[in-house]
Amino acid sequence: MSLELTLLAGGIIALALFLLYLFRTFRIGNTTCPKCGSMHPDRVRRSNLMRLIPCKAYRCHNCGKRFYQIHIDNDVVIAS
């Protein structure tokens, strides 16, 4: 019984950490760098996995951070 509770607690913690990561990296708004706030990112080629999702890939010219702009129901979400 305690092994099952330990595994359940570990799964809940892993899920919480994953959701925290998503909430910190997704942004709603215009195409600005989520790391440094630069207004002039460069468009770059998407990875093979991200081609399955309707998104645009960007790389910040100032800090080099790579992030994605995802369109969901007429809203724009920025993901890094």
Protein backbone atom coordinates (compact mmCIF):
# COMPACT_ATOMS: atom_id res chain seq x y z
CA MET A 1 0.00 0.00 0.00
CA SER A 2 2.76 2.48 0.86
CA LEU A 3 4.58 1.77 -2.43
CA GLU A 4 1.45 2.71 -4.37
CA LEU A 5 1.07 5.92 -2.37
CA THR A 6 4.73 6.75 -2.96
CA LEU A 7 4.34 6.23 -6.72
CA LEU A 8 1.15 8.29 -6.74
CA ALA A 9 2.83 11.12 -4.82
CA GLY A 10 5.81 11.01 -7.20
CA GLY A 11 3.47 11.20 -10.20
CA ILE A 12 1.60 14.14 -8.71
CA ILE A 13 4.86 15.99 -8.02
CA ALA A 14 6.12 15.30 -11.55
CA LEU A 15 2.84 16.56 -13.02
CA ALA A 16 2.95 19.69 -10.85
CA LEU A 17 6.52 20.45 -11.95
CA PHE A 18 5.58 19.96 -15.61
CA LEU A 19 2.58 22.29 -15.28
CA LEU A 20 4.73 24.88 -13.52
CA TYR A 21 7.19 24.72 -16.43
CA LEU A 22 4.38 25.21 -18.94
CA PHE A 23 2.86 28.15 -17.07
CA ARG A 24 6.26 29.86 -16.84
CA THR A 25 7.08 29.49 -20.54
CA PHE A 26 3.73 30.11 -22.26
CA ARG A 27 2.83 33.73 -22.83
CA ILE A 28 -0.15 35.44 -24.41
CA GLY A 29 0.51 38.53 -26.51
CA ASN A 30 2.68 39.76 -29.31
CA THR A 31 5.90 38.16 -30.53
CA THR A 32 8.40 39.26 -27.91
CA CYS A 33 11.20 37.20 -26.43
CA PRO A 34 10.04 35.56 -23.17
CA LYS A 35 13.58 35.78 -21.73
CA CYS A 36 14.79 39.32 -22.47
CA GLY A 37 11.66 41.03 -23.87
CA SER A 38 13.21 41.96 -27.22
CA MET A 39 10.65 43.09 -29.80
CA HIS A 40 12.67 41.84 -32.80
CA PRO A 41 12.98 38.04 -32.90
CA ASP A 42 14.05 36.24 -36.09
CA ARG A 43 11.93 33.53 -37.73
CA VAL A 44 13.71 30.16 -37.79
CA ARG A 45 12.93 26.67 -39.07
CA ARG A 46 10.66 24.51 -36.90
CA SER A 47 11.78 21.15 -35.54
CA ASN A 48 10.14 18.02 -36.96
CA LEU A 49 7.94 17.54 -33.90
CA MET A 50 6.70 21.13 -33.93
CA ARG A 51 5.65 20.83 -37.59
CA LEU A 52 2.67 18.81 -36.38
CA ILE A 53 1.43 21.82 -34.38
CA PRO A 54 0.24 25.06 -36.08
CA CYS A 55 2.98 27.34 -34.79
CA LYS A 56 5.78 29.67 -35.82
CA ALA A 57 9.34 29.31 -34.53
CA TYR A 58 11.48 32.29 -33.50
CA ARG A 59 14.97 32.92 -32.11
CA CYS A 60 15.82 36.09 -30.23
CA HIS A 61 18.59 38.08 -31.87
CA ASN A 62 19.74 39.54 -28.54
CA CYS A 63 19.87 36.52 -26.19
CA GLY A 64 19.54 33.52 -28.54
CA LYS A 65 16.43 32.09 -26.82
CA ARG A 66 14.33 29.88 -29.12
CA PHE A 67 10.54 30.04 -28.67
CA TYR A 68 7.31 29.27 -30.50
CA GLN A 69 4.17 31.26 -31.26
CA ILE A 70 1.14 28.94 -31.15
CA HIS A 71 -2.30 29.93 -32.41
CA ILE A 72 -5.22 28.62 -30.32
CA ASP A 73 -8.76 29.88 -31.06
CA ASN A 74 -7.66 33.32 -32.33
CA ASP A 75 -5.37 33.77 -29.29
CA VAL A 76 -1.60 33.85 -29.61
CA VAL A 77 0.48 31.91 -27.10
CA ILE A 78 4.27 32.21 -26.90
CA ALA A 79 6.12 29.06 -25.86
CA SER A 80 9.80 28.63 -25.28
